């Protein structure tokens, strides 16, 4: 039987996930949060996700050759633990812990993985558990999934793994070579996360909100350069202000409990009280702009320093880690004159390390992995499943089956969208990663004035200033975005051509950019045909696309999840496969 590797993430107590490679093919991948309906599934193991992967592939635990985990013991002979101890000198208990028992988290995690595997029916005496360093897993998920055959620069920017926060390397002939790592607390991702907290959002969840807020501000109003610098090849974060632990943390009482943050009271003294609430106001919009600029500037300096020569040689860069989801940085990277193609692993956060660890082990065992062409890797449901969910649901949904679904469903939805109706769209396999890409989406017509506000206020219940994104067919991408750079995963922003800003205003952000998905038909034909249907009706093969969920909830997985969300919002139309559910029949 072909080599079978199961990757299981969750070492950092958030975003557990599972990914299954069989013979170098990524057969299935899913995040635990989608099954347990708990965003980021903190402090859980990827039990349901792994169970799904095995069941989807039709294999038993005994058929798995190895389990790969994206967390590994770090030797005391290496620099990492000493760097941590030295930089956190002001918290001697943590510093000593790093030196004396610095792999405690790894051993605790391995035990939890063993427990999870036992629950799944694995025999621990017969299964090999292979640890892969966290940033190496990120690197593998980017390089090995990129499909690049030339020498490839590899970049990882994250909060932190075991100790590493940033990875520079290159891939050649399938092998990853490490050039340089930075270690905690010297973390650009961690710094961005700390300011995310200061701006009133959750770290590991709100960074993209800060990025969305930034275009409303003026980065020249506040100089954030004191927070971090890159000099002589080293990144140094100022731990007087951020990436702090212990008594240096700023604390506030929340529901009668004291909560500590990753920034210090000194940051409050400098910038004023931390932001609370949903308003994007002065001075916080300027702070968002300033941290975004600092993040971009330092990242670009580091890329040039460590990877510039490789980029001038081949022009290929593979990027992963939470920082790779900063689409504004990615736009700046693509603008480099020597860059031919940037591949950003679409599940770049820690959920994607399940793919990274499994792909790394597969390649190490002599089985190269396929290029990641799409992320439709989760569960799919039949019309019968959908009808059964409707029959069970307490809201007693009214539904009708659309005949000849492949042809008629896209046409029917295109007409609803043009009539100004947002539509919840559920079809095919669920996406892996944070972006809805036409499997679990809420759709709108991007030329229908006010549709974005309507979705925000009535359905998503989220901050008004956050942008909505377009999906478009591959013939439109170069015209609207002025670039033929591949963009299948919504991991880049592009400057929108002037003509298109007025054609599809609902998906153009404050700064004139869009975070776009450019779709090839083979990967999601029904979604592609919906956009072709829109083109016939409006002249634009572009659709507003946002994830099928409400604020604070994970993306929808099952038909029951979709119905719960539908009846908890002001949506009027939900389409699941060939089944149309309407709040009130006779709306049309």
Protein backbone atom coordinates (compact mmCIF):
# COMPACT_ATOMS: atom_id res chain seq x y z
CA UNK A 1 0.00 0.00 0.00
CA UNK A 2 1.12 3.58 -0.69
CA UNK A 3 2.85 5.47 2.14
CA UNK A 4 0.16 6.84 4.47
CA UNK A 5 1.03 9.72 6.81
CA UNK A 6 -1.40 11.40 9.22
CA UNK A 7 -0.46 14.90 10.39
CA UNK A 8 -1.95 16.13 13.68
CA UNK A 9 -1.54 19.72 14.89
CA UNK A 10 -2.62 21.43 18.09
CA UNK A 11 0.64 21.65 20.03
CA UNK A 12 0.17 25.31 20.83
CA UNK A 13 -3.27 24.70 22.40
CA UNK A 14 -5.15 26.32 19.52
CA UNK A 15 -6.20 25.47 15.97
CA UNK A 16 -5.91 21.67 16.14
CA UNK A 17 -6.27 20.01 12.75
CA UNK A 18 -5.59 16.81 10.85
CA UNK A 19 -4.24 16.11 7.36
CA UNK A 20 -3.83 12.81 5.56
CA UNK A 21 -1.32 12.07 2.79
CA UNK A 22 -1.58 8.80 0.88
CA UNK A 23 1.09 8.19 -1.75
CA UNK A 24 2.01 11.89 -1.77
CA UNK A 25 -1.57 13.01 -2.39
CA UNK A 26 -3.31 15.19 0.19
CA UNK A 27 -6.53 13.20 0.47
CA UNK A 28 -8.22 15.09 3.31
CA UNK A 29 -7.57 17.92 5.77
CA UNK A 30 -9.83 19.63 8.29
CA UNK A 31 -9.79 21.83 11.37
CA UNK A 32 -11.24 20.62 14.65
CA UNK A 33 -13.12 23.88 15.25
CA UNK A 34 -15.51 23.13 12.38
CA UNK A 35 -16.72 19.88 13.95
CA UNK A 36 -16.89 20.97 17.59
CA UNK A 37 -18.27 24.47 16.74
CA UNK A 38 -15.73 26.26 18.94
CA UNK A 39 -13.61 28.85 17.17
CA UNK A 40 -9.91 27.91 17.28
CA UNK A 41 -10.90 24.85 19.43
CA UNK A 42 -8.52 25.94 22.18
CA UNK A 43 -7.04 23.23 24.39
CA UNK A 44 -8.55 20.43 22.31
CA UNK A 45 -6.97 17.65 20.31
CA UNK A 46 -7.83 17.03 16.62
CA UNK A 47 -9.98 13.97 17.35
CA UNK A 48 -12.97 14.73 15.09
CA UNK A 49 -10.73 16.08 12.33
CA UNK A 50 -8.57 12.94 12.34
CA UNK A 51 -11.63 10.71 12.48
CA UNK A 52 -13.03 12.48 9.41
CA UNK A 53 -9.75 12.09 7.48
CA UNK A 54 -9.57 8.35 8.14
CA UNK A 55 -13.24 7.77 7.36
CA UNK A 56 -13.11 9.85 4.18
CA UNK A 57 -10.13 7.84 2.93
CA UNK A 58 -11.82 4.59 3.96
CA UNK A 59 -8.84 3.44 6.01
CA UNK A 60 -8.32 2.13 9.53
CA UNK A 61 -5.70 3.26 12.08
CA UNK A 62 -3.67 0.12 11.29
CA UNK A 63 -3.30 1.36 7.68
CA UNK A 64 -1.40 4.50 8.79
CA UNK A 65 2.38 4.19 8.48
CA UNK A 66 3.33 7.22 10.58
CA UNK A 67 1.80 10.08 12.54
CA UNK A 68 3.60 13.41 12.11
CA UNK A 69 3.31 16.18 14.70
CA UNK A 70 4.52 19.79 14.18
CA UNK A 71 6.35 20.17 17.48
CA UNK A 72 9.70 18.70 18.50
CA UNK A 73 12.18 18.65 21.38
CA UNK A 74 14.83 21.39 21.10
CA UNK A 75 18.35 20.50 22.22
CA UNK A 76 20.06 22.53 24.94
CA UNK A 77 23.11 22.55 22.67
CA UNK A 78 21.23 24.83 20.27
CA UNK A 79 20.88 28.57 20.68
CA UNK A 80 17.09 28.72 21.08
CA UNK A 81 16.59 27.95 24.78
CA UNK A 82 19.58 30.06 25.84
CA UNK A 83 18.30 33.02 23.80
CA UNK A 84 14.89 32.71 25.46
CA UNK A 85 16.45 32.61 28.95
CA UNK A 86 18.71 35.58 28.28
CA UNK A 87 15.98 37.80 26.77
CA UNK A 88 13.50 36.97 29.53
CA UNK A 89 16.02 37.65 32.31
CA UNK A 90 13.41 39.70 34.17
CA UNK A 91 11.29 36.54 34.70
CA UNK A 92 13.90 34.19 36.21
CA UNK A 93 11.41 31.36 36.81
CA UNK A 94 10.61 31.21 33.06
CA UNK A 95 14.25 31.68 32.08
CA UNK A 96 15.44 28.82 34.29
CA UNK A 97 12.56 26.65 33.13
CA UNK A 98 13.68 27.05 29.50
CA UNK A 99 17.16 25.80 30.38
CA UNK A 100 16.31 23.07 32.89
CA UNK A 101 13.04 21.63 31.53
CA UNK A 102 12.74 23.38 28.18
CA UNK A 103 10.95 20.53 26.39
CA UNK A 104 8.15 20.12 28.89
CA UNK A 105 5.53 21.39 26.43
CA UNK A 106 6.65 18.88 23.83
CA UNK A 107 6.34 15.91 26.18
CA UNK A 108 2.95 17.12 27.41
CA UNK A 109 1.76 17.51 23.83
CA UNK A 110 3.05 14.07 22.81
CA UNK A 111 1.11 12.51 25.69
CA UNK A 112 -2.07 14.26 24.57
CA UNK A 113 -1.50 13.08 21.00
CA UNK A 114 -1.03 9.52 22.27
CA UNK A 115 -4.31 9.81 24.19
CA UNK A 116 -6.05 11.11 21.04
CA UNK A 117 -4.64 8.29 18.92
CA UNK A 118 -5.79 5.72 21.48
CA UNK A 119 -9.31 7.17 21.32
CA UNK A 120 -9.17 6.82 17.53
CA UNK A 121 -8.25 3.14 17.83
CA UNK A 122 -4.50 3.30 17.17
CA UNK A 123 -2.18 0.78 18.80
CA UNK A 124 0.60 2.91 20.29
CA UNK A 125 3.01 -0.03 20.15
CA UNK A 126 2.61 -0.22 16.39
CA UNK A 127 2.39 3.41 15.28
CA UNK A 128 5.43 5.67 14.90
CA UNK A 129 4.96 9.26 16.06
CA UNK A 130 7.45 11.54 14.29
CA UNK A 131 8.08 15.06 15.66
CA UNK A 132 8.85 17.82 13.15
CA UNK A 133 10.07 21.21 14.38
CA UNK A 134 7.20 23.70 14.25
CA UNK A 135 8.83 26.13 11.83
CA UNK A 136 10.12 23.28 9.70
CA UNK A 137 6.50 22.11 9.42
CA UNK A 138 5.48 25.63 8.34
CA UNK A 139 8.36 25.64 5.84
CA UNK A 140 7.39 22.24 4.45
CA UNK A 141 3.75 23.27 4.09
CA UNK A 142 4.89 26.19 1.95
CA UNK A 143 7.75 24.69 -0.08
CA UNK A 144 6.57 21.14 -0.63
CA UNK A 145 3.03 22.27 -1.50
CA UNK A 146 4.18 25.05 -3.85
CA UNK A 147 4.97 22.83 -6.80
CA UNK A 148 8.13 24.88 -7.41
CA UNK A 149 10.91 22.85 -8.99
CA UNK A 150 13.59 25.57 -9.01
CA UNK A 151 15.61 26.62 -5.98
CA UNK A 152 13.03 28.31 -3.75
CA UNK A 153 13.43 30.88 -1.00
CA UNK A 154 11.42 29.87 2.10
CA UNK A 155 10.07 32.32 4.66
CA UNK A 156 8.19 31.64 7.90
CA UNK A 157 6.84 34.44 10.11
CA UNK A 158 4.81 33.31 13.11
CA UNK A 159 4.12 34.12 16.75
CA UNK A 160 6.34 31.30 17.93
CA UNK A 161 6.70 27.54 17.78
CA UNK A 162 8.82 25.74 20.35
CA UNK A 163 11.14 28.76 20.56
CA UNK A 164 11.64 29.90 16.96
CA UNK A 165 9.52 32.78 15.67
CA UNK A 166 10.92 33.37 12.19
CA UNK A 167 12.46 31.05 9.60
CA UNK A 168 14.63 31.79 6.57
CA UNK A 169 15.75 29.00 4.32
CA UNK A 170 15.61 27.56 0.85
CA UNK A 171 14.35 24.44 -0.81
CA UNK A 172 16.26 22.59 -3.49
CA UNK A 173 15.62 19.15 -5.00
CA UNK A 174 12.92 18.51 -2.41
CA UNK A 175 15.18 19.22 0.59
CA UNK A 176 14.76 22.16 2.99
CA UNK A 177 17.89 24.01 4.14
CA UNK A 178 17.73 26.32 7.16
CA UNK A 179 19.62 29.63 6.82
CA UNK A 180 18.56 31.48 9.98
CA UNK A 181 15.95 31.49 12.74
CA UNK A 182 14.95 34.15 15.25
CA UNK A 183 13.73 33.13 18.70
CA UNK A 184 11.16 34.28 21.25
CA UNK A 185 10.66 37.10 22.27
CA UNK A 186 12.06 38.48 19.00
CA UNK A 187 8.94 37.87 16.98
CA UNK A 188 7.32 40.18 14.46
CA UNK A 189 4.21 38.00 14.53
CA UNK A 190 4.15 38.21 18.32
CA UNK A 191 4.57 42.00 18.22
CA UNK A 192 1.70 42.36 15.73
CA UNK A 193 -0.35 40.09 18.01
CA UNK A 194 0.45 42.20 21.08
CA UNK A 195 -0.70 45.39 19.32
CA UNK A 196 -3.76 43.46 18.12
CA UNK A 197 -4.60 42.90 21.80
CA UNK A 198 -3.95 46.57 22.59
CA UNK A 199 -6.39 47.49 19.80
CA UNK A 200 -9.07 45.44 21.53
CA UNK A 201 -9.04 42.20 19.52
CA UNK A 202 -8.12 38.64 20.36
CA UNK A 203 -4.58 37.60 19.52
CA UNK A 204 -4.53 34.78 16.91
CA UNK A 205 -7.93 35.92 15.68
CA UNK A 206 -7.99 39.69 15.30
CA UNK A 207 -4.78 40.37 13.36
CA UNK A 208 -6.66 40.53 10.06
CA UNK A 209 -9.03 43.06 11.66
CA UNK A 210 -6.05 45.28 12.44
CA UNK A 211 -4.91 44.86 8.83
CA UNK A 212 -8.43 45.83 7.66
CA UNK A 213 -8.44 48.88 9.94
CA UNK A 214 -4.99 50.10 8.83
CA UNK A 215 -6.03 51.73 5.50
CA UNK A 216 -8.32 54.10 7.42
CA UNK A 217 -5.35 55.49 9.35
CA UNK A 218 -2.21 57.50 8.61
CA UNK A 219 1.00 55.66 9.52
CA UNK A 220 3.03 58.89 9.46
CA UNK A 221 1.19 60.23 12.52
CA UNK A 222 2.92 57.85 14.94
CA UNK A 223 6.43 56.44 14.75
CA UNK A 224 6.38 52.83 15.97
CA UNK A 225 10.06 52.18 15.22
CA UNK A 226 10.88 52.01 18.94
CA UNK A 227 8.96 48.70 19.15
CA UNK A 228 11.37 46.65 17.02
CA UNK A 229 14.45 46.96 14.83
CA UNK A 230 16.36 44.82 12.37
CA UNK A 231 20.11 45.45 12.54
CA UNK A 232 23.17 43.40 11.55
CA UNK A 233 20.98 40.49 10.56
CA UNK A 234 19.16 40.30 13.91
CA UNK A 235 15.56 41.18 14.81
CA UNK A 236 15.18 42.73 18.27
CA UNK A 237 11.73 43.41 19.74
CA UNK A 238 11.62 45.98 22.54
CA UNK A 239 10.33 43.99 25.52
CA UNK A 240 9.83 47.16 27.51
CA UNK A 241 6.64 47.50 25.47
CA UNK A 242 5.55 44.19 23.92
CA UNK A 243 6.07 40.42 23.82
CA UNK A 244 6.25 40.53 27.59
CA UNK A 245 5.63 37.86 30.23
CA UNK A 246 5.14 37.77 34.00
CA UNK A 247 4.94 40.96 35.98
CA UNK A 248 5.68 43.14 32.94
CA UNK A 249 2.25 42.42 31.50
CA UNK A 250 -0.48 45.03 31.51
CA UNK A 251 -3.48 43.65 33.40
CA UNK A 252 -7.18 44.49 33.45
CA UNK A 253 -10.07 43.02 35.42
CA UNK A 254 -12.48 41.11 33.20
CA UNK A 255 -15.62 39.60 34.75
CA UNK A 256 -14.00 39.72 38.17
CA UNK A 257 -10.80 38.04 36.95
CA UNK A 258 -7.45 39.63 36.24
CA UNK A 259 -6.37 39.19 32.62
CA UNK A 260 -2.80 39.77 31.47
CA UNK A 261 -1.86 40.99 28.00
CA UNK A 262 1.25 40.64 25.85
CA UNK A 263 2.04 44.34 26.15
CA UNK A 264 3.19 46.34 29.15
CA UNK A 265 1.81 49.31 31.11
CA UNK A 266 4.60 51.30 29.43
CA UNK A 267 2.76 50.91 26.10
CA UNK A 268 -0.37 52.37 27.74
CA UNK A 269 1.69 55.28 29.11
CA UNK A 270 2.92 55.98 25.57
CA UNK A 271 -0.23 55.41 23.47
CA UNK A 272 -3.09 55.84 25.93
CA UNK A 273 -5.77 53.37 27.10
CA UNK A 274 -6.33 50.17 25.15
CA UNK A 275 -9.22 50.23 22.71
CA UNK A 276 -12.58 48.68 23.60
CA UNK A 277 -15.66 48.30 21.41
CA UNK A 278 -16.22 48.18 17.65
CA UNK A 279 -15.57 51.74 16.56
CA UNK A 280 -12.55 52.32 14.30
CA UNK A 281 -11.64 55.76 15.62
CA UNK A 282 -8.78 58.19 16.13
CA UNK A 283 -6.06 57.49 17.29
CA UNK A 284 -6.48 53.71 17.02
CA UNK A 285 -6.84 53.66 13.24
CA UNK A 286 -3.46 55.42 13.05
CA UNK A 287 -1.93 52.90 15.44
CA UNK A 288 -3.21 50.11 13.18
CA UNK A 289 -1.64 51.82 10.17
CA UNK A 290 1.64 52.28 12.06
CA UNK A 291 2.01 48.66 13.21
CA UNK A 292 1.12 47.45 9.71
CA UNK A 293 3.82 49.69 8.21
CA UNK A 294 6.42 48.55 10.76
CA UNK A 295 5.52 44.91 10.08
CA UNK A 296 5.86 45.41 6.32
CA UNK A 297 9.08 47.44 6.52
CA UNK A 298 10.92 45.02 8.83
CA UNK A 299 9.68 41.95 6.94
CA UNK A 300 10.89 43.35 3.62
CA UNK A 301 14.28 44.24 5.13
CA UNK A 302 14.65 40.71 6.52
CA UNK A 303 13.64 39.13 3.20
CA UNK A 304 16.22 41.19 1.35
CA UNK A 305 18.94 40.38 3.88
CA UNK A 306 18.48 36.61 4.03
CA UNK A 307 16.66 35.68 0.83
CA UNK A 308 17.46 38.45 -1.64
CA UNK A 309 20.23 36.52 -3.44
CA UNK A 310 18.00 33.46 -3.93
CA UNK A 311 15.15 35.63 -5.22
CA UNK A 312 17.49 37.28 -7.74
CA UNK A 313 18.60 33.79 -8.80
CA UNK A 314 15.20 32.12 -9.36
CA UNK A 315 12.44 34.54 -8.30
CA UNK A 316 10.51 31.92 -6.31
CA UNK A 317 9.37 32.38 -2.70
CA UNK A 318 7.27 30.06 -0.50
CA UNK A 319 5.83 31.72 2.61
CA UNK A 320 3.97 30.32 5.62
CA UNK A 321 3.24 30.99 9.28
CA UNK A 322 0.55 33.30 10.65
CA UNK A 323 2.41 36.31 9.20
CA UNK A 324 1.86 34.91 5.70
CA UNK A 325 -1.84 35.74 6.04
CA UNK A 326 -0.92 39.43 6.07
CA UNK A 327 -2.11 40.06 2.53
CA UNK A 328 -0.81 43.64 2.45
CA UNK A 329 2.73 42.42 3.10
CA UNK A 330 2.24 39.84 0.37
CA UNK A 331 1.24 42.57 -2.08
CA UNK A 332 4.54 44.35 -1.31
CA UNK A 333 6.52 41.12 -1.77
CA UNK A 334 4.92 40.51 -5.17
CA UNK A 335 5.91 44.05 -6.14
CA UNK A 336 9.62 43.14 -5.90
CA UNK A 337 11.07 43.35 -9.39
CA UNK A 338 12.95 40.05 -8.98
CA UNK A 339 9.94 38.06 -7.72
CA UNK A 340 8.39 35.76 -10.33
CA UNK A 341 5.97 33.90 -8.08
CA UNK A 342 5.01 33.91 -4.41
CA UNK A 343 3.29 30.82 -3.00
CA UNK A 344 1.49 31.38 0.28
CA UNK A 345 0.24 28.18 1.86
CA UNK A 346 -3.48 29.00 2.26
CA UNK A 347 -3.79 27.51 5.78
CA UNK A 348 -0.69 29.40 6.86
CA UNK A 349 -1.64 29.58 10.51
CA UNK A 350 -0.96 26.72 12.90
CA UNK A 351 -3.78 24.57 11.51
CA UNK A 352 -1.67 24.22 8.37
CA UNK A 353 1.21 22.64 10.27
CA UNK A 354 -0.68 19.32 10.14
CA UNK A 355 -0.15 19.45 6.36
CA UNK A 356 3.42 20.64 6.88
CA UNK A 357 4.45 17.89 9.29
CA UNK A 358 2.80 15.16 7.19
CA UNK A 359 4.31 16.45 3.92
CA UNK A 360 7.75 16.70 5.55
CA UNK A 361 7.62 13.08 6.70
CA UNK A 362 6.28 11.88 3.35
CA UNK A 363 9.14 13.54 1.48
CA UNK A 364 11.68 12.28 4.04
CA UNK A 365 10.36 8.75 3.40
CA UNK A 366 10.99 9.17 -0.32
CA UNK A 367 7.47 10.03 -1.47
CA UNK A 368 7.24 13.57 -2.95
CA UNK A 369 3.94 15.38 -2.39
CA UNK A 370 1.69 16.96 -5.00
CA UNK A 371 1.33 20.69 -5.56
CA UNK A 372 -1.56 22.15 -3.58
CA UNK A 373 -3.99 23.20 -6.31
CA UNK A 374 -7.05 23.69 -4.11
CA UNK A 375 -8.21 23.40 -0.48
CA UNK A 376 -11.53 21.61 -0.92
CA UNK A 377 -10.36 18.92 1.48
CA UNK A 378 -13.10 18.64 4.10
CA UNK A 379 -16.46 16.84 4.29
CA UNK A 380 -19.09 16.95 1.54
CA UNK A 381 -22.80 16.21 1.90
CA UNK A 382 -25.40 14.79 -0.49
CA UNK A 383 -28.88 16.13 -1.26
CA UNK A 384 -30.20 13.31 0.92
CA UNK A 385 -28.03 14.48 3.83
CA UNK A 386 -29.37 18.02 3.37
CA UNK A 387 -33.01 16.91 3.23
CA UNK A 388 -32.51 14.77 6.36
CA UNK A 389 -31.01 17.76 8.20
CA UNK A 390 -34.02 19.89 7.18
CA UNK A 391 -36.40 17.18 8.44
CA UNK A 392 -34.65 17.09 11.83
CA UNK A 393 -34.29 20.85 12.30
CA UNK A 394 -36.60 22.50 14.87
CA UNK A 395 -37.24 25.50 12.56
CA UNK A 396 -39.08 23.14 10.15
CA UNK A 397 -37.37 24.58 7.06
CA UNK A 398 -39.34 24.90 3.85
CA UNK A 399 -37.23 23.65 0.97
CA UNK A 400 -37.39 22.70 -2.67
CA UNK A 401 -35.03 20.70 -4.84
CA UNK A 402 -33.73 22.45 -7.95
CA UNK A 403 -33.72 20.01 -10.84
CA UNK A 404 -30.59 19.63 -12.99
CA UNK A 405 -28.54 21.23 -10.22
CA UNK A 406 -25.18 21.64 -11.98
CA UNK A 407 -26.79 23.85 -14.62
CA UNK A 408 -29.76 25.40 -12.85
CA UNK A 409 -28.39 26.11 -9.36
CA UNK A 410 -25.69 28.59 -10.53
CA UNK A 411 -28.24 30.35 -12.78
CA UNK A 412 -30.86 30.56 -10.04
CA UNK A 413 -28.40 32.00 -7.52
CA UNK A 414 -26.95 34.47 -10.03
CA UNK A 415 -30.46 35.87 -10.54
CA UNK A 416 -31.08 36.16 -6.79
CA UNK A 417 -27.78 38.00 -6.36
CA UNK A 418 -28.57 40.44 -9.16
CA UNK A 419 -31.93 41.09 -7.48
CA UNK A 420 -29.91 42.34 -4.48
CA UNK A 421 -30.33 39.28 -2.26
CA UNK A 422 -27.37 37.84 -0.33
CA UNK A 423 -27.34 34.03 -0.57
CA UNK A 424 -25.79 31.44 1.76
CA UNK A 425 -24.02 28.92 -0.50
CA UNK A 426 -23.04 25.46 0.68
CA UNK A 427 -21.72 22.95 -1.83
CA UNK A 428 -18.96 20.42 -2.36
CA UNK A 429 -16.18 19.76 0.13
CA UNK A 430 -15.49 22.21 2.96
CA UNK A 431 -12.43 24.41 2.60
CA UNK A 432 -9.29 23.89 4.70
CA UNK A 433 -7.88 27.12 6.11
CA UNK A 434 -9.42 30.45 7.09
CA UNK A 435 -10.81 31.51 3.71
CA UNK A 436 -14.20 30.64 2.25
CA UNK A 437 -13.53 29.87 -1.40
CA UNK A 438 -16.95 28.93 -2.72
CA UNK A 439 -17.61 25.82 -0.63
CA UNK A 440 -19.02 27.48 2.50
CA UNK A 441 -19.70 31.10 1.51
CA UNK A 442 -22.16 33.97 1.78
CA UNK A 443 -22.44 35.56 -1.64
CA UNK A 444 -23.55 38.98 -2.85
CA UNK A 445 -23.61 40.90 -6.12
CA UNK A 446 -20.62 43.29 -5.99
CA UNK A 447 -22.34 45.88 -8.18
CA UNK A 448 -25.49 45.98 -6.00
CA UNK A 449 -25.13 49.14 -3.91
CA UNK A 450 -25.20 48.54 -0.15
CA UNK A 451 -25.04 44.74 -0.24
CA UNK A 452 -21.82 44.69 1.83
CA UNK A 453 -23.42 46.84 4.55
CA UNK A 454 -26.49 44.63 4.50
CA UNK A 455 -24.43 41.47 4.98
CA UNK A 456 -22.46 43.16 7.76
CA UNK A 457 -25.47 44.45 9.69
CA UNK A 458 -27.97 41.65 9.18
CA UNK A 459 -25.90 38.51 8.81
CA UNK A 460 -22.25 38.70 9.82
CA UNK A 461 -22.76 41.12 12.74
CA UNK A 462 -19.18 42.30 12.41
CA UNK A 463 -17.23 45.58 12.34
CA UNK A 464 -18.45 47.90 9.57
CA UNK A 465 -14.96 48.83 8.41
CA UNK A 466 -13.87 45.30 7.51
CA UNK A 467 -13.64 44.64 3.79
CA UNK A 468 -15.46 42.04 1.72
CA UNK A 469 -13.58 40.14 -0.92
CA UNK A 470 -14.22 39.14 -4.52
CA UNK A 471 -14.06 35.80 -6.24
CA UNK A 472 -13.65 36.00 -10.00
CA UNK A 473 -13.04 33.71 -12.95
CA UNK A 474 -9.54 33.38 -14.38
CA UNK A 475 -10.23 35.46 -17.51
CA UNK A 476 -11.25 38.44 -15.37
CA UNK A 477 -8.33 38.39 -12.89
CA UNK A 478 -5.68 40.03 -15.14
CA UNK A 479 -8.12 42.75 -16.25
CA UNK A 480 -9.48 43.67 -12.82
CA UNK A 481 -6.26 43.18 -10.84
CA UNK A 482 -3.68 44.20 -13.43
CA UNK A 483 -1.71 41.04 -12.69
CA UNK A 484 -1.57 37.49 -13.95
CA UNK A 485 0.03 36.28 -10.71
CA UNK A 486 -1.84 33.14 -9.52
CA UNK A 487 -4.30 33.95 -6.72
CA UNK A 488 -6.41 30.85 -6.03
CA UNK A 489 -6.55 31.20 -2.23
CA UNK A 490 -7.29 34.86 -1.33
CA UNK A 491 -3.81 35.28 0.13
CA UNK A 492 -2.86 38.49 -1.72
CA UNK A 493 -4.29 41.96 -2.23
CA UNK A 494 -4.05 43.67 -5.61
CA UNK A 495 -4.63 47.25 -6.74
CA UNK A 496 -7.98 47.25 -8.54
CA UNK A 497 -8.04 48.78 -12.04
CA UNK A 498 -9.89 52.12 -12.10
CA UNK A 499 -12.68 50.88 -14.38
CA UNK A 500 -13.43 47.96 -12.06
CA UNK A 501 -13.58 50.13 -8.93
CA UNK A 502 -16.86 51.54 -10.20
CA UNK A 503 -18.03 48.23 -11.70
CA UNK A 504 -17.74 46.20 -8.45
CA UNK A 505 -17.49 48.81 -5.67
CA UNK A 506 -18.75 46.49 -2.91
CA UNK A 507 -15.52 44.43 -3.00
CA UNK A 508 -12.97 47.28 -3.19
CA UNK A 509 -11.37 48.26 0.12
CA UNK A 510 -10.73 51.78 1.39
CA UNK A 511 -7.22 51.81 -0.14
CA UNK A 512 -8.36 50.72 -3.61
CA UNK A 513 -7.30 47.09 -3.24
CA UNK A 514 -9.08 43.75 -3.17
CA UNK A 515 -8.10 40.44 -1.59
CA UNK A 516 -9.09 38.30 -4.52
CA UNK A 517 -9.70 34.67 -5.37
CA UNK A 518 -9.04 33.97 -9.04
CA UNK A 519 -10.68 30.63 -9.84
CA UNK A 520 -9.93 28.07 -12.53
CA UNK A 521 -13.03 26.10 -13.47
CA UNK A 522 -11.60 22.61 -12.87
CA UNK A 523 -11.29 23.21 -9.12
CA UNK A 524 -14.90 24.31 -8.47
CA UNK A 525 -17.00 24.17 -11.65
CA UNK A 526 -20.33 25.06 -10.05
CA UNK A 527 -18.92 28.19 -8.40
CA UNK A 528 -17.19 29.16 -11.65
CA UNK A 529 -20.44 28.77 -13.57
CA UNK A 530 -22.26 30.96 -11.06
CA UNK A 531 -19.81 33.77 -11.87
CA UNK A 532 -20.28 33.16 -15.59
CA UNK A 533 -24.03 33.49 -14.93
CA UNK A 534 -23.41 36.82 -13.19
CA UNK A 535 -21.37 37.98 -16.17
CA UNK A 536 -24.32 37.35 -18.48
CA UNK A 537 -26.61 39.37 -16.22
CA UNK A 538 -24.29 42.22 -15.13
CA UNK A 539 -21.22 42.11 -17.37
CA UNK A 540 -19.01 41.17 -14.38
CA UNK A 541 -17.87 37.59 -13.67
CA UNK A 542 -17.17 38.63 -10.07
CA UNK A 543 -19.00 37.78 -6.84
CA UNK A 544 -18.76 39.15 -3.31
CA UNK A 545 -17.68 36.22 -1.15
CA UNK A 546 -17.45 36.03 2.64
CA UNK A 547 -17.32 33.00 4.91
CA UNK A 548 -20.50 31.20 5.88
CA UNK A 549 -20.58 31.94 9.61
CA UNK A 550 -21.56 34.59 12.09
CA UNK A 551 -19.10 36.72 13.98
CA UNK A 552 -17.12 34.73 16.52
CA UNK A 553 -18.16 31.34 15.11
CA UNK A 554 -16.18 28.87 13.01
CA UNK A 555 -17.04 28.43 9.36
CA UNK A 556 -19.99 26.11 8.73
CA UNK A 557 -19.25 22.43 8.25
CA UNK A 558 -22.53 20.46 8.05
CA UNK A 559 -26.07 21.14 6.76
CA UNK A 560 -27.29 21.35 10.37
CA UNK A 561 -24.64 24.01 11.12
CA UNK A 562 -25.81 25.92 8.04
CA UNK A 563 -29.46 25.79 9.11
CA UNK A 564 -28.58 26.95 12.65
CA UNK A 565 -26.66 29.89 11.23
CA UNK A 566 -29.41 30.65 8.66
CA UNK A 567 -32.13 30.85 11.30
CA UNK A 568 -29.87 32.92 13.56
CA UNK A 569 -29.46 35.64 10.93
CA UNK A 570 -31.55 37.76 8.58
CA UNK A 571 -30.58 35.74 5.52
CA UNK A 572 -33.55 34.84 3.31
CA UNK A 573 -31.94 32.27 1.02
CA UNK A 574 -29.78 29.23 1.71
CA UNK A 575 -28.68 26.83 -1.03
CA UNK A 576 -27.16 23.50 0.00
CA UNK A 577 -26.16 21.39 -2.99
CA UNK A 578 -29.40 21.30 -5.07
CA UNK A 579 -31.68 22.22 -2.15
CA UNK A 580 -33.05 25.76 -1.82
CA UNK A 581 -34.22 26.77 1.66
CA UNK A 582 -36.19 30.01 1.97
CA UNK A 583 -37.46 31.78 5.06
CA UNK A 584 -40.72 32.65 3.31
CA UNK A 585 -41.90 30.96 0.17
CA UNK A 586 -43.38 33.48 -2.21
CA UNK A 587 -40.44 35.90 -1.74
CA UNK A 588 -39.70 35.79 -5.44
